[in-house]
């Protein structure tokens, strides 16, 4: 179990069986399937009380995959790029 500042994960709305929508499947996914999956995941993020902590964590560790804090990997990279410039 995580300790310290990562305790927010215990309160995350994405915990449980729906967690699969936050990451790409092991098989190839069509563009519209990806968009639909990400929209479902972001909808869960919208209701999450620890969304900010989640996004901060993903940015801090430079998480390269999945939806974290309501943003996908491309959106997080753009955010980091904007902060750097």
Protein backbone atom coordinates (compact mmCIF):
# COMPACT_ATOMS: atom_id res chain seq x y z
CA UNK A 1 0.00 0.00 0.00
CA UNK A 2 1.17 3.51 -0.76
CA UNK A 3 1.98 5.83 2.07
CA UNK A 4 2.21 9.56 2.60
CA UNK A 5 1.07 11.90 -0.12
CA UNK A 6 -0.29 9.11 -2.33
CA UNK A 7 -3.12 8.23 0.07
CA UNK A 8 -5.45 10.14 -2.26
CA UNK A 9 -5.48 7.01 -4.43
CA UNK A 10 -7.68 5.26 -1.88
CA UNK A 11 -10.38 7.88 -2.53
CA UNK A 12 -10.12 7.84 -6.33
CA UNK A 13 -13.38 7.36 -8.25
CA UNK A 14 -11.54 5.15 -10.77
CA UNK A 15 -10.87 2.37 -8.27
CA UNK A 16 -12.66 -0.88 -9.05
CA UNK A 17 -13.83 -2.66 -12.19
CA UNK A 18 -14.25 0.54 -14.24
CA UNK A 19 -10.49 1.17 -13.99
CA UNK A 20 -9.99 -0.61 -17.34
CA UNK A 21 -11.35 2.39 -19.28
CA UNK A 22 -8.45 4.54 -18.08
CA UNK A 23 -5.84 2.63 -20.08
CA UNK A 24 -5.70 1.31 -23.65
CA UNK A 25 -6.58 -2.35 -24.15
CA UNK A 26 -3.92 -4.92 -25.03
CA UNK A 27 -5.34 -5.16 -28.57
CA UNK A 28 -5.36 -2.45 -31.23
CA UNK A 29 -8.08 0.12 -30.69
CA UNK A 30 -9.77 2.14 -33.42
CA UNK A 31 -9.73 5.92 -33.15
CA UNK A 32 -13.45 6.13 -32.33
CA UNK A 33 -13.12 3.35 -29.72
CA UNK A 34 -10.28 5.24 -28.05
CA UNK A 35 -12.28 8.47 -28.07
CA UNK A 36 -15.29 6.72 -26.51
CA UNK A 37 -13.18 4.98 -23.85
CA UNK A 38 -11.40 8.22 -22.94
CA UNK A 39 -14.72 10.08 -22.74
CA UNK A 40 -16.06 7.46 -20.29
CA UNK A 41 -12.89 7.72 -18.19
CA UNK A 42 -12.97 11.52 -18.17
CA UNK A 43 -16.63 11.37 -17.07
CA UNK A 44 -15.54 9.37 -14.02
CA UNK A 45 -12.77 11.92 -13.39
CA UNK A 46 -15.33 14.73 -13.50
CA UNK A 47 -17.03 13.21 -10.43
CA UNK A 48 -13.80 12.48 -8.53
CA UNK A 49 -12.91 14.35 -5.33
CA UNK A 50 -9.17 13.75 -5.77
CA UNK A 51 -8.87 14.69 -9.43
CA UNK A 52 -6.33 17.45 -8.77
CA UNK A 53 -4.08 15.20 -6.70
CA UNK A 54 -4.28 12.54 -9.42
CA UNK A 55 -3.27 14.96 -12.17
CA UNK A 56 -0.45 16.38 -10.04
CA UNK A 57 0.83 12.84 -9.43
CA UNK A 58 0.74 11.89 -13.12
CA UNK A 59 2.60 15.05 -14.09
CA UNK A 60 5.13 14.66 -11.28
CA UNK A 61 6.04 11.11 -12.33
CA UNK A 62 5.59 11.89 -16.03
CA UNK A 63 3.10 9.03 -16.45
CA UNK A 64 3.22 8.09 -20.17
CA UNK A 65 -0.07 6.17 -20.38
CA UNK A 66 -3.73 6.46 -19.57
CA UNK A 67 -6.19 9.01 -18.25
CA UNK A 68 -5.07 10.69 -15.02
CA UNK A 69 -6.86 13.63 -13.45
CA UNK A 70 -9.12 13.93 -16.47
CA UNK A 71 -6.30 14.24 -19.02
CA UNK A 72 -4.79 11.79 -21.47
CA UNK A 73 -1.07 11.47 -22.15
CA UNK A 74 -1.12 13.98 -25.03
CA UNK A 75 -2.98 16.58 -22.96
CA UNK A 76 -0.56 16.13 -20.05
CA UNK A 77 2.43 16.49 -22.36
CA UNK A 78 1.00 19.70 -23.80
CA UNK A 79 0.50 21.01 -20.27
CA UNK A 80 4.12 20.23 -19.40
CA UNK A 81 5.34 21.84 -22.62
CA UNK A 82 3.37 25.01 -21.87
CA UNK A 83 4.79 25.14 -18.34
CA UNK A 84 8.33 24.75 -19.71
CA UNK A 85 8.01 27.64 -22.18
